[in-house]
């Protein structure tokens, strides 16, 4: 669960550019889409999570027991690493400096070196891990577990430095804010997002989310954005403030959001609806739609340089799309 400005161009021009770049007919767009289709990748299982390695590194995707490394510039698969966990991965994340891809599967954490693609020894969590969040500038990573606990792992020694029980009962998503001092965790038990201090994981605040949170992503300016999984109108993205942990901003949507990512400048939102993937501006104006070609999106991430977006296609599809900024 789970990151510059986008330039608009005519849909016809983008489609012609996409066809010229790929040599085959790729996904088409029904409005002025600010990214062009670069490449699609077939995966051995349905992809469930994605991230980027640093500000201009490759994309990483979790699909089944495999972590895929996808080239930033051309969108092809650099490596397909079998994690040997015995359980499917539920999340994948890059360390803050982009040196390792980290995945969680059942009660183990795995990490793979970037560039060499070396799979290292598994780390036993002693509990079922679900979601990952790396401190934006630091050498720790947090694992949100199924029992509501948070495990802190050093990304230098790869030892567990702390296990803390929290007020969360049934985790359904997690994201750390840009400061690294606040961890937001969706709690399906009471349809809230709880804001925890990363200093001791005490509960600082909680906000009721209509229908519960379907996804969370960090806001580059602070706080997080929440895809409200209400299942009924009004469909919205909510911003939660990093100071109060409460709702202080809204982006209206034309449908029920499943996942969300924000461009590095905070100017545009990518969101996956059941039938289409959209790009919107902060007032909810739809700037672009894929017309269902990537849908349904299960997760998406935007590179820190703003040049690439990776989209995991859910709904039983075994497919990942890389989009390129013009």
C-alpha atoms as a PDB file:
ATOM      1  CA  UNK A   1       0.000   0.000   0.000  1.00  0.00           C
ATOM      2  CA  UNK A   2       0.889   1.630  -0.238  1.00  0.00           C
ATOM      3  CA  UNK A   3       4.762   7.889  -4.268  1.00  0.00           C
ATOM      4  CA  UNK A   4       7.359  17.157 -11.043  1.00  0.00           C
ATOM      5  CA  UNK A   5       5.099  18.329 -12.839  1.00  0.00           C
ATOM      6  CA  UNK A   6       3.017  16.405 -15.363  1.00  0.00           C
ATOM      7  CA  UNK A   7       2.694  17.854 -18.819  1.00  0.00           C
ATOM      8  CA  UNK A   8      -0.543  17.539 -20.767  1.00  0.00           C
ATOM      9  CA  UNK A   9      -0.557  16.800 -24.465  1.00  0.00           C
ATOM     10  CA  UNK A  10      -3.209  15.733 -26.918  1.00  0.00           C
ATOM     11  CA  UNK A  11      -4.410  12.137 -26.647  1.00  0.00           C
ATOM     12  CA  UNK A  12      -3.686  11.589 -30.310  1.00  0.00           C
ATOM     13  CA  UNK A  13      -0.074  12.763 -29.996  1.00  0.00           C
ATOM     14  CA  UNK A  14       0.539  10.545 -26.965  1.00  0.00           C
ATOM     15  CA  UNK A  15      -0.948   7.529 -28.645  1.00  0.00           C
ATOM     16  CA  UNK A  16       1.264   8.048 -31.696  1.00  0.00           C
ATOM     17  CA  UNK A  17       4.316   8.472 -29.469  1.00  0.00           C
ATOM     18  CA  UNK A  18       3.468   5.309 -27.550  1.00  0.00           C
ATOM     19  CA  UNK A  19       3.068   3.311 -30.729  1.00  0.00           C
ATOM     20  CA  UNK A  20       6.332   4.650 -32.145  1.00  0.00           C
ATOM     21  CA  UNK A  21       8.237   3.915 -28.939  1.00  0.00           C
ATOM     22  CA  UNK A  22       6.929   0.387 -28.408  1.00  0.00           C
ATOM     23  CA  UNK A  23       6.556  -0.828 -31.957  1.00  0.00           C
ATOM     24  CA  UNK A  24       3.294  -2.569 -31.063  1.00  0.00           C
ATOM     25  CA  UNK A  25      -0.145  -1.395 -30.109  1.00  0.00           C
ATOM     26  CA  UNK A  26      -0.144  -0.766 -26.381  1.00  0.00           C
ATOM     27  CA  UNK A  27      -2.840   0.601 -24.072  1.00  0.00           C
ATOM     28  CA  UNK A  28      -4.690   3.620 -25.421  1.00  0.00           C
ATOM     29  CA  UNK A  29      -5.881   6.696 -23.549  1.00  0.00           C
ATOM     30  CA  UNK A  30      -9.178   8.495 -23.932  1.00  0.00           C
ATOM     31  CA  UNK A  31      -8.044  11.966 -22.772  1.00  0.00           C
ATOM     32  CA  UNK A  32      -4.860  14.019 -22.704  1.00  0.00           C
ATOM     33  CA  UNK A  33      -2.800  11.619 -20.646  1.00  0.00           C
ATOM     34  CA  UNK A  34       0.357  13.274 -19.256  1.00  0.00           C
ATOM     35  CA  UNK A  35       2.404  10.060 -19.319  1.00  0.00           C
ATOM     36  CA  UNK A  36       2.852   7.719 -22.243  1.00  0.00           C
ATOM     37  CA  UNK A  37       2.736   3.960 -22.069  1.00  0.00           C
ATOM     38  CA  UNK A  38       6.302   2.640 -21.981  1.00  0.00           C
ATOM     39  CA  UNK A  39       6.053  -1.110 -21.497  1.00  0.00           C
ATOM     40  CA  UNK A  40       4.090  -3.878 -19.845  1.00  0.00           C
ATOM     41  CA  UNK A  41       5.546  -6.845 -17.978  1.00  0.00           C
ATOM     42  CA  UNK A  42       4.004 -10.262 -17.454  1.00  0.00           C
ATOM     43  CA  UNK A  43       4.477 -11.694 -13.962  1.00  0.00           C
ATOM     44  CA  UNK A  44       4.240 -15.270 -12.701  1.00  0.00           C
ATOM     45  CA  UNK A  45       1.498 -14.314 -10.236  1.00  0.00           C
ATOM     46  CA  UNK A  46      -0.808 -11.376  -9.634  1.00  0.00           C
ATOM     47  CA  UNK A  47       1.232  -8.312  -8.563  1.00  0.00           C
ATOM     48  CA  UNK A  48       0.178  -6.889  -5.222  1.00  0.00           C
ATOM     49  CA  UNK A  49       2.670  -4.131  -4.350  1.00  0.00           C
ATOM     50  CA  UNK A  50       5.292  -1.876  -5.951  1.00  0.00           C
ATOM     51  CA  UNK A  51       7.850   0.809  -5.166  1.00  0.00           C
ATOM     52  CA  UNK A  52      10.896   2.569  -6.666  1.00  0.00           C
ATOM     53  CA  UNK A  53      14.542   2.209  -5.633  1.00  0.00           C
ATOM     54  CA  UNK A  54      15.560   5.732  -4.681  1.00  0.00           C
ATOM     55  CA  UNK A  55      14.752   8.912  -6.604  1.00  0.00           C
ATOM     56  CA  UNK A  56      15.694   7.616 -10.071  1.00  0.00           C
ATOM     57  CA  UNK A  57      16.192   3.885  -9.587  1.00  0.00           C
ATOM     58  CA  UNK A  58      14.387   0.883 -10.967  1.00  0.00           C
ATOM     59  CA  UNK A  59      10.894  -0.169  -9.983  1.00  0.00           C
ATOM     60  CA  UNK A  60      10.310  -3.190  -7.763  1.00  0.00           C
ATOM     61  CA  UNK A  61       7.175  -5.312  -7.807  1.00  0.00           C
ATOM     62  CA  UNK A  62       5.972  -8.116  -5.531  1.00  0.00           C
ATOM     63  CA  UNK A  63       4.104 -10.908  -7.321  1.00  0.00           C
ATOM     64  CA  UNK A  64       3.636 -14.251  -5.615  1.00  0.00           C
ATOM     65  CA  UNK A  65       6.993 -15.242  -4.095  1.00  0.00           C
ATOM     66  CA  UNK A  66       8.967 -13.161  -6.601  1.00  0.00           C
ATOM     67  CA  UNK A  67      10.394  -9.632  -6.565  1.00  0.00           C
ATOM     68  CA  UNK A  68      10.794  -8.107 -10.032  1.00  0.00           C
ATOM     69  CA  UNK A  69      13.312  -5.349 -10.702  1.00  0.00           C
ATOM     70  CA  UNK A  70      12.176  -3.196 -13.654  1.00  0.00           C
ATOM     71  CA  UNK A  71      14.486  -0.814 -15.510  1.00  0.00           C
ATOM     72  CA  UNK A  72      13.730   2.866 -14.917  1.00  0.00           C
ATOM     73  CA  UNK A  73      14.579   4.065 -18.424  1.00  0.00           C
ATOM     74  CA  UNK A  74      13.231   1.350 -20.721  1.00  0.00           C
ATOM     75  CA  UNK A  75      10.776  -0.567 -18.550  1.00  0.00           C
ATOM     76  CA  UNK A  76      12.130  -4.069 -19.116  1.00  0.00           C
ATOM     77  CA  UNK A  77      12.787  -6.688 -16.417  1.00  0.00           C
ATOM     78  CA  UNK A  78      16.298  -6.455 -15.003  1.00  0.00           C
ATOM     79  CA  UNK A  79      15.906  -9.381 -12.615  1.00  0.00           C
ATOM     80  CA  UNK A  80      13.284 -11.810 -11.348  1.00  0.00           C
ATOM     81  CA  UNK A  81      14.282 -12.892  -7.851  1.00  0.00           C
ATOM     82  CA  UNK A  82      12.566 -15.915  -6.275  1.00  0.00           C
ATOM     83  CA  UNK A  83      12.447 -15.126  -2.553  1.00  0.00           C
ATOM     84  CA  UNK A  84      12.072 -18.758  -1.399  1.00  0.00           C
ATOM     85  CA  UNK A  85       9.713 -17.722   1.387  1.00  0.00           C
ATOM     86  CA  UNK A  86       7.120 -20.441   0.856  1.00  0.00           C
ATOM     87  CA  UNK A  87       4.418 -17.786   1.232  1.00  0.00           C
ATOM     88  CA  UNK A  88       3.343 -15.047  -1.167  1.00  0.00           C
ATOM     89  CA  UNK A  89       4.679 -11.566  -0.554  1.00  0.00           C
ATOM     90  CA  UNK A  90       2.172  -9.061   0.814  1.00  0.00           C
ATOM     91  CA  UNK A  91       4.295  -5.929   0.424  1.00  0.00           C
ATOM     92  CA  UNK A  92       7.572  -4.667  -1.034  1.00  0.00           C
ATOM     93  CA  UNK A  93       9.543  -1.535  -0.260  1.00  0.00           C
ATOM     94  CA  UNK A  94      12.900   0.085  -0.961  1.00  0.00           C
ATOM     95  CA  UNK A  95      15.276   1.142   1.762  1.00  0.00           C
ATOM     96  CA  UNK A  96      15.610   4.913   1.924  1.00  0.00           C
ATOM     97  CA  UNK A  97      18.956   5.014   0.109  1.00  0.00           C
ATOM     98  CA  UNK A  98      17.751   2.602  -2.574  1.00  0.00           C
ATOM     99  CA  UNK A  99      20.314  -0.086  -1.806  1.00  0.00           C
ATOM    100  CA  UNK A 100      17.923  -2.930  -1.033  1.00  0.00           C
ATOM    101  CA  UNK A 101      14.492  -4.168  -2.012  1.00  0.00           C
ATOM    102  CA  UNK A 102      12.642  -5.532   1.011  1.00  0.00           C
ATOM    103  CA  UNK A 103       9.668  -7.875   0.990  1.00  0.00           C
ATOM    104  CA  UNK A 104       7.461  -9.385   3.667  1.00  0.00           C
ATOM    105  CA  UNK A 105       5.811 -12.800   3.413  1.00  0.00           C
ATOM    106  CA  UNK A 106       4.195 -14.513   6.361  1.00  0.00           C
ATOM    107  CA  UNK A 107       6.537 -14.375   9.337  1.00  0.00           C
ATOM    108  CA  UNK A 108       9.697 -13.547   7.422  1.00  0.00           C
ATOM    109  CA  UNK A 109      11.343 -10.482   5.976  1.00  0.00           C
ATOM    110  CA  UNK A 110      13.567 -10.825   2.904  1.00  0.00           C
ATOM    111  CA  UNK A 111      15.954  -8.316   1.381  1.00  0.00           C
ATOM    112  CA  UNK A 112      17.688  -8.256  -1.981  1.00  0.00           C
ATOM    113  CA  UNK A 113      20.679  -6.136  -2.985  1.00  0.00           C
ATOM    114  CA  UNK A 114      20.055  -3.666  -5.771  1.00  0.00           C
ATOM    115  CA  UNK A 115      22.178  -4.082  -8.932  1.00  0.00           C
ATOM    116  CA  UNK A 116      23.583  -7.494  -7.899  1.00  0.00           C
ATOM    117  CA  UNK A 117      20.134  -8.946  -7.054  1.00  0.00           C
ATOM    118  CA  UNK A 118      21.591 -11.074  -4.269  1.00  0.00           C
ATOM    119  CA  UNK A 119      18.982 -12.639  -1.980  1.00  0.00           C
ATOM    120  CA  UNK A 120      20.150 -12.501   1.642  1.00  0.00           C
ATOM    121  CA  UNK A 121      19.185 -14.595   4.665  1.00  0.00           C
ATOM    122  CA  UNK A 122      15.604 -14.341   5.827  1.00  0.00           C
ATOM    123  CA  UNK A 123      14.752 -12.412   8.985  1.00  0.00           C
ATOM    124  CA  UNK A 124      12.273 -14.135  11.288  1.00  0.00           C
ATOM    125  CA  UNK A 125       9.667 -11.703  12.599  1.00  0.00           C
ATOM    126  CA  UNK A 126       8.014 -14.087  15.056  1.00  0.00           C
ATOM    127  CA  UNK A 127       4.618 -12.854  13.864  1.00  0.00           C
ATOM    128  CA  UNK A 128       2.851 -12.343  10.544  1.00  0.00           C
ATOM    129  CA  UNK A 129       4.027  -9.218   8.750  1.00  0.00           C
ATOM    130  CA  UNK A 130       1.690  -7.426   6.373  1.00  0.00           C
ATOM    131  CA  UNK A 131       2.963  -3.943   5.437  1.00  0.00           C
ATOM    132  CA  UNK A 132       6.311  -2.175   5.136  1.00  0.00           C
ATOM    133  CA  UNK A 133       7.346   1.445   5.611  1.00  0.00           C
ATOM    134  CA  UNK A 134      10.899   2.779   5.382  1.00  0.00           C
ATOM    135  CA  UNK A 135      11.987   5.911   7.213  1.00  0.00           C
ATOM    136  CA  UNK A 136      12.468   8.447   4.379  1.00  0.00           C
ATOM    137  CA  UNK A 137      15.901   9.511   5.615  1.00  0.00           C
ATOM    138  CA  UNK A 138      17.329   6.917   7.922  1.00  0.00           C
ATOM    139  CA  UNK A 139      18.403   3.342   8.381  1.00  0.00           C
ATOM    140  CA  UNK A 140      15.297   1.716   9.805  1.00  0.00           C
ATOM    141  CA  UNK A 141      12.263   0.011   8.332  1.00  0.00           C
ATOM    142  CA  UNK A 142       8.992  -0.738  10.063  1.00  0.00           C
ATOM    143  CA  UNK A 143       6.910  -3.877   9.578  1.00  0.00           C
ATOM    144  CA  UNK A 144       3.240  -3.581  10.506  1.00  0.00           C
ATOM    145  CA  UNK A 145       2.068  -7.023  11.584  1.00  0.00           C
ATOM    146  CA  UNK A 146      -1.297  -8.740  11.633  1.00  0.00           C
ATOM    147  CA  UNK A 147      -1.605  -8.535  15.421  1.00  0.00           C
ATOM    148  CA  UNK A 148      -1.201  -4.740  15.345  1.00  0.00           C
ATOM    149  CA  UNK A 149       2.419  -4.768  16.470  1.00  0.00           C
ATOM    150  CA  UNK A 150       5.195  -2.855  14.708  1.00  0.00           C
ATOM    151  CA  UNK A 151       8.615  -4.438  14.270  1.00  0.00           C
ATOM    152  CA  UNK A 152      11.583  -2.098  13.774  1.00  0.00           C
ATOM    153  CA  UNK A 153      14.408  -3.472  11.628  1.00  0.00           C
ATOM    154  CA  UNK A 154      17.820  -1.883  11.132  1.00  0.00           C
ATOM    155  CA  UNK A 155      18.711  -1.675   7.442  1.00  0.00           C
ATOM    156  CA  UNK A 156      22.409  -1.592   8.387  1.00  0.00           C
ATOM    157  CA  UNK A 157      22.708  -4.695  10.574  1.00  0.00           C
ATOM    158  CA  UNK A 158      19.405  -6.294   9.495  1.00  0.00           C
ATOM    159  CA  UNK A 159      18.596  -7.052  13.114  1.00  0.00           C
ATOM    160  CA  UNK A 160      15.297  -6.434  14.859  1.00  0.00           C
ATOM    161  CA  UNK A 161      15.793  -3.512  17.235  1.00  0.00           C
ATOM    162  CA  UNK A 162      12.295  -3.192  18.675  1.00  0.00           C
ATOM    163  CA  UNK A 163       8.858  -4.805  18.768  1.00  0.00           C
ATOM    164  CA  UNK A 164       6.012  -2.583  19.942  1.00  0.00           C
ATOM    165  CA  UNK A 165       2.357  -3.407  20.441  1.00  0.00           C
ATOM    166  CA  UNK A 166       0.080  -0.607  19.246  1.00  0.00           C
ATOM    167  CA  UNK A 167      -3.549   0.459  19.473  1.00  0.00           C
ATOM    168  CA  UNK A 168      -4.175  -1.004  15.997  1.00  0.00           C
ATOM    169  CA  UNK A 169      -6.304  -4.166  16.020  1.00  0.00           C
ATOM    170  CA  UNK A 170      -6.630  -5.180  12.363  1.00  0.00           C
ATOM    171  CA  UNK A 171      -4.092  -3.461  10.049  1.00  0.00           C
ATOM    172  CA  UNK A 172      -5.304  -2.781   6.511  1.00  0.00           C
ATOM    173  CA  UNK A 173      -2.560  -0.477   5.203  1.00  0.00           C
ATOM    174  CA  UNK A 174       0.296   1.721   6.345  1.00  0.00           C
ATOM    175  CA  UNK A 175       2.351   4.737   5.288  1.00  0.00           C
ATOM    176  CA  UNK A 176       4.997   6.861   6.976  1.00  0.00           C
ATOM    177  CA  UNK A 177       4.902  10.614   6.495  1.00  0.00           C
ATOM    178  CA  UNK A 178       7.691  12.642   4.881  1.00  0.00           C
ATOM    179  CA  UNK A 179       9.263  13.536   8.231  1.00  0.00           C
ATOM    180  CA  UNK A 180       9.560   9.912   9.310  1.00  0.00           C
ATOM    181  CA  UNK A 181       8.098  10.807  12.711  1.00  0.00           C
ATOM    182  CA  UNK A 182       4.529   9.640  12.099  1.00  0.00           C
ATOM    183  CA  UNK A 183       3.305   6.207  11.031  1.00  0.00           C
ATOM    184  CA  UNK A 184      -0.283   6.104   9.779  1.00  0.00           C
ATOM    185  CA  UNK A 185      -1.988   2.697   9.937  1.00  0.00           C
ATOM    186  CA  UNK A 186      -5.440   1.857   8.634  1.00  0.00           C
ATOM    187  CA  UNK A 187      -7.413  -0.210  11.146  1.00  0.00           C
ATOM    188  CA  UNK A 188     -10.193  -2.317   9.628  1.00  0.00           C
ATOM    189  CA  UNK A 189     -11.612  -3.140  13.068  1.00  0.00           C
ATOM    190  CA  UNK A 190     -13.161   0.311  13.454  1.00  0.00           C
ATOM    191  CA  UNK A 191     -12.699   1.939  10.002  1.00  0.00           C
ATOM    192  CA  UNK A 192     -10.111   4.409  11.248  1.00  0.00           C
ATOM    193  CA  UNK A 193      -6.616   5.544  10.358  1.00  0.00           C
ATOM    194  CA  UNK A 194      -4.487   5.756  13.477  1.00  0.00           C
ATOM    195  CA  UNK A 195      -1.465   8.073  13.673  1.00  0.00           C
ATOM    196  CA  UNK A 196       1.396   6.589  15.705  1.00  0.00           C
ATOM    197  CA  UNK A 197       4.613   8.189  16.877  1.00  0.00           C
ATOM    198  CA  UNK A 198       7.607   6.372  15.415  1.00  0.00           C
ATOM    199  CA  UNK A 199       9.518   7.234  18.591  1.00  0.00           C
ATOM    200  CA  UNK A 200       7.480   4.830  20.715  1.00  0.00           C
ATOM    201  CA  UNK A 201       4.434   3.894  18.604  1.00  0.00           C
ATOM    202  CA  UNK A 202       1.987   5.477  21.010  1.00  0.00           C
ATOM    203  CA  UNK A 203      -1.375   6.519  19.601  1.00  0.00           C
ATOM    204  CA  UNK A 204      -1.336  10.240  18.826  1.00  0.00           C
ATOM    205  CA  UNK A 205      -4.668  10.553  16.996  1.00  0.00           C
ATOM    206  CA  UNK A 206      -7.182   8.679  14.900  1.00  0.00           C
ATOM    207  CA  UNK A 207      -9.648   9.640  12.189  1.00  0.00           C
ATOM    208  CA  UNK A 208     -12.837   7.845  11.177  1.00  0.00           C
ATOM    209  CA  UNK A 209     -12.738   6.939   7.469  1.00  0.00           C
ATOM    210  CA  UNK A 210     -15.999   6.393   5.565  1.00  0.00           C
ATOM    211  CA  UNK A 211     -16.059   2.685   4.719  1.00  0.00           C
ATOM    212  CA  UNK A 212     -12.493   2.277   5.960  1.00  0.00           C
ATOM    213  CA  UNK A 213      -9.236   3.006   4.133  1.00  0.00           C
ATOM    214  CA  UNK A 214      -8.561   1.138   0.889  1.00  0.00           C
ATOM    215  CA  UNK A 215      -5.031   2.567   0.562  1.00  0.00           C
ATOM    216  CA  UNK A 216      -2.660   5.158   2.007  1.00  0.00           C
ATOM    217  CA  UNK A 217       0.271   7.035   0.510  1.00  0.00           C
ATOM    218  CA  UNK A 218       2.570   9.769   1.828  1.00  0.00           C
ATOM    219  CA  UNK A 219       1.982  13.384   0.872  1.00  0.00           C
ATOM    220  CA  UNK A 220       5.323  15.003  -0.113  1.00  0.00           C
ATOM    221  CA  UNK A 221       4.256  18.132   1.796  1.00  0.00           C
ATOM    222  CA  UNK A 222       3.440  16.180   4.969  1.00  0.00           C
ATOM    223  CA  UNK A 223       0.753  13.862   6.240  1.00  0.00           C
ATOM    224  CA  UNK A 224      -0.835  11.162   4.126  1.00  0.00           C
ATOM    225  CA  UNK A 225      -3.546  10.697   1.532  1.00  0.00           C
ATOM    226  CA  UNK A 226      -6.216   8.074   2.115  1.00  0.00           C
ATOM    227  CA  UNK A 227      -8.352   6.340  -0.501  1.00  0.00           C
ATOM    228  CA  UNK A 228     -11.681   6.164   1.308  1.00  0.00           C
ATOM    229  CA  UNK A 229     -13.171   2.763   0.526  1.00  0.00           C
ATOM    230  CA  UNK A 230     -16.776   3.692   1.159  1.00  0.00           C
ATOM    231  CA  UNK A 231     -18.218   1.678  -1.713  1.00  0.00           C
ATOM    232  CA  UNK A 232     -20.811   4.399  -2.140  1.00  0.00           C
ATOM    233  CA  UNK A 233     -20.941   8.090  -3.039  1.00  0.00           C
ATOM    234  CA  UNK A 234     -19.369  10.482  -2.213  1.00  0.00           C
ATOM    235  CA  UNK A 235     -16.115   8.956  -3.441  1.00  0.00           C
ATOM    236  CA  UNK A 236     -13.106  10.830  -2.098  1.00  0.00           C
ATOM    237  CA  UNK A 237      -9.425  11.004  -1.275  1.00  0.00           C
ATOM    238  CA  UNK A 238      -8.802  12.413   2.181  1.00  0.00           C
ATOM    239  CA  UNK A 239      -5.708  14.185   3.436  1.00  0.00           C
ATOM    240  CA  UNK A 240      -4.723  13.584   7.059  1.00  0.00           C
ATOM    241  CA  UNK A 241      -2.542  16.201   8.725  1.00  0.00           C
ATOM    242  CA  UNK A 242       0.763  15.067  10.249  1.00  0.00           C
ATOM    243  CA  UNK A 243       0.274  17.374  13.235  1.00  0.00           C
ATOM    244  CA  UNK A 244      -3.267  16.491  14.255  1.00  0.00           C
ATOM    245  CA  UNK A 245      -3.748  13.212  12.370  1.00  0.00           C
ATOM    246  CA  UNK A 246      -7.156  14.501  11.283  1.00  0.00           C
ATOM    247  CA  UNK A 247      -8.920  15.099   7.974  1.00  0.00           C
ATOM    248  CA  UNK A 248      -8.040  18.512   6.566  1.00  0.00           C
ATOM    249  CA  UNK A 249      -8.381  18.165   2.777  1.00  0.00           C
ATOM    250  CA  UNK A 250     -10.498  16.352   0.196  1.00  0.00           C
ATOM    251  CA  UNK A 251     -10.204  15.428  -3.489  1.00  0.00           C
ATOM    252  CA  UNK A 252     -13.549  14.342  -5.006  1.00  0.00           C
ATOM    253  CA  UNK A 253     -13.552  11.293  -7.265  1.00  0.00           C
ATOM    254  CA  UNK A 254     -15.935   9.894  -9.892  1.00  0.00           C
ATOM    255  CA  UNK A 255     -15.696   6.362  -8.485  1.00  0.00           C
ATOM    256  CA  UNK A 256     -14.606   4.170  -5.589  1.00  0.00           C
ATOM    257  CA  UNK A 257     -10.781   4.351  -5.150  1.00  0.00           C
ATOM    258  CA  UNK A 258      -8.732   1.185  -4.600  1.00  0.00           C
ATOM    259  CA  UNK A 259      -5.227   2.705  -4.544  1.00  0.00           C
ATOM    260  CA  UNK A 260      -3.576   6.126  -4.706  1.00  0.00           C
ATOM    261  CA  UNK A 261      -0.192   7.720  -5.434  1.00  0.00           C
ATOM    262  CA  UNK A 262       0.843  11.389  -5.464  1.00  0.00           C
ATOM    263  CA  UNK A 263       3.392  13.078  -7.733  1.00  0.00           C
ATOM    264  CA  UNK A 264       6.516  14.448  -5.988  1.00  0.00           C
ATOM    265  CA  UNK A 265       5.295  18.039  -6.289  1.00  0.00           C
ATOM    266  CA  UNK A 266       1.863  17.123  -4.933  1.00  0.00           C
ATOM    267  CA  UNK A 267       0.181  18.543  -8.041  1.00  0.00           C
ATOM    268  CA  UNK A 268      -1.457  15.365  -9.359  1.00  0.00           C
ATOM    269  CA  UNK A 269      -2.992  12.177  -8.048  1.00  0.00           C
ATOM    270  CA  UNK A 270      -2.997   8.765  -9.684  1.00  0.00           C
ATOM    271  CA  UNK A 271      -5.851   6.635  -8.423  1.00  0.00           C
ATOM    272  CA  UNK A 272      -7.142   3.233  -9.403  1.00  0.00           C
ATOM    273  CA  UNK A 273     -10.902   2.741  -9.640  1.00  0.00           C
ATOM    274  CA  UNK A 274     -12.483  -0.653 -10.349  1.00  0.00           C
ATOM    275  CA  UNK A 275     -12.973   0.207 -14.037  1.00  0.00           C
ATOM    276  CA  UNK A 276     -10.251   2.757 -14.844  1.00  0.00           C
ATOM    277  CA  UNK A 277      -7.060   4.436 -13.706  1.00  0.00           C
ATOM    278  CA  UNK A 278      -7.215   8.225 -13.463  1.00  0.00           C
ATOM    279  CA  UNK A 279      -4.940  11.229 -13.116  1.00  0.00           C
ATOM    280  CA  UNK A 280      -6.584  14.107 -11.255  1.00  0.00           C
ATOM    281  CA  UNK A 281      -5.586  17.538 -10.036  1.00  0.00           C
ATOM    282  CA  UNK A 282      -6.276  18.669  -6.449  1.00  0.00           C
ATOM    283  CA  UNK A 283      -9.754  19.991  -7.220  1.00  0.00           C
ATOM    284  CA  UNK A 284     -10.807  16.606  -8.605  1.00  0.00           C
ATOM    285  CA  UNK A 285     -10.651  17.495 -12.297  1.00  0.00           C
ATOM    286  CA  UNK A 286      -9.862  14.379 -14.309  1.00  0.00           C
ATOM    287  CA  UNK A 287      -6.809  15.151 -16.425  1.00  0.00           C
ATOM    288  CA  UNK A 288      -6.496  11.672 -17.899  1.00  0.00           C
ATOM    289  CA  UNK A 289      -7.936   8.186 -17.965  1.00  0.00           C
ATOM    290  CA  UNK A 290      -6.538   4.894 -19.219  1.00  0.00           C
ATOM    291  CA  UNK A 291     -10.071   3.854 -20.272  1.00  0.00           C
ATOM    292  CA  UNK A 292      -9.691   0.616 -18.341  1.00  0.00           C
ATOM    293  CA  UNK A 293      -6.482  -0.550 -19.999  1.00  0.00           C
ATOM    294  CA  UNK A 294      -4.594  -0.883 -16.696  1.00  0.00           C
ATOM    295  CA  UNK A 295      -7.585  -1.736 -14.548  1.00  0.00           C
ATOM    296  CA  UNK A 296      -8.222  -2.791 -11.966  1.00  0.00           C
ATOM    297  CA  UNK A 297      -5.069  -1.342 -10.397  1.00  0.00           C
ATOM    298  CA  UNK A 298      -4.079  -3.034  -7.131  1.00  0.00           C
ATOM    299  CA  UNK A 299      -1.149  -0.725  -6.337  1.00  0.00           C
ATOM    300  CA  UNK A 300       0.868   2.063  -7.946  1.00  0.00           C
ATOM    301  CA  UNK A 301       3.989   4.093  -7.222  1.00  0.00           C
ATOM    302  CA  UNK A 302       5.566   7.233  -8.674  1.00  0.00           C
ATOM    303  CA  UNK A 303       9.338   7.587  -8.841  1.00  0.00           C
ATOM    304  CA  UNK A 304      10.973  10.352  -6.806  1.00  0.00           C
ATOM    305  CA  UNK A 305      12.216  12.064  -9.977  1.00  0.00           C
ATOM    306  CA  UNK A 306       8.656  12.201 -11.308  1.00  0.00           C
ATOM    307  CA  UNK A 307       9.652  10.514 -14.570  1.00  0.00           C
ATOM    308  CA  UNK A 308       8.077   7.080 -14.130  1.00  0.00           C
ATOM    309  CA  UNK A 309       4.932   5.514 -12.717  1.00  0.00           C
ATOM    310  CA  UNK A 310       4.478   1.784 -12.162  1.00  0.00           C
ATOM    311  CA  UNK A 311       0.993   0.257 -11.968  1.00  0.00           C
ATOM    312  CA  UNK A 312       0.182  -3.242 -10.706  1.00  0.00           C
ATOM    313  CA  UNK A 313      -2.848  -4.737 -12.391  1.00  0.00           C
ATOM    314  CA  UNK A 314      -5.015  -6.758 -10.008  1.00  0.00           C
ATOM    315  CA  UNK A 315      -8.256  -8.617 -10.549  1.00  0.00           C
ATOM    316  CA  UNK A 316      -6.532 -11.865 -11.469  1.00  0.00           C
ATOM    317  CA  UNK A 317      -4.253 -10.313 -14.107  1.00  0.00           C
ATOM    318  CA  UNK A 318      -0.518 -11.056 -14.027  1.00  0.00           C
ATOM    319  CA  UNK A 319       0.615  -7.750 -15.451  1.00  0.00           C
ATOM    320  CA  UNK A 320       2.572  -4.611 -14.550  1.00  0.00           C
ATOM    321  CA  UNK A 321       2.672  -1.357 -16.556  1.00  0.00           C
ATOM    322  CA  UNK A 322       5.422   1.253 -16.662  1.00  0.00           C
ATOM    323  CA  UNK A 323       4.445   4.771 -17.719  1.00  0.00           C
ATOM    324  CA  UNK A 324       6.858   7.468 -18.867  1.00  0.00           C
ATOM    325  CA  UNK A 325       6.546  11.200 -18.361  1.00  0.00           C
ATOM    326  CA  UNK A 326       6.839  13.181 -21.583  1.00  0.00           C
END
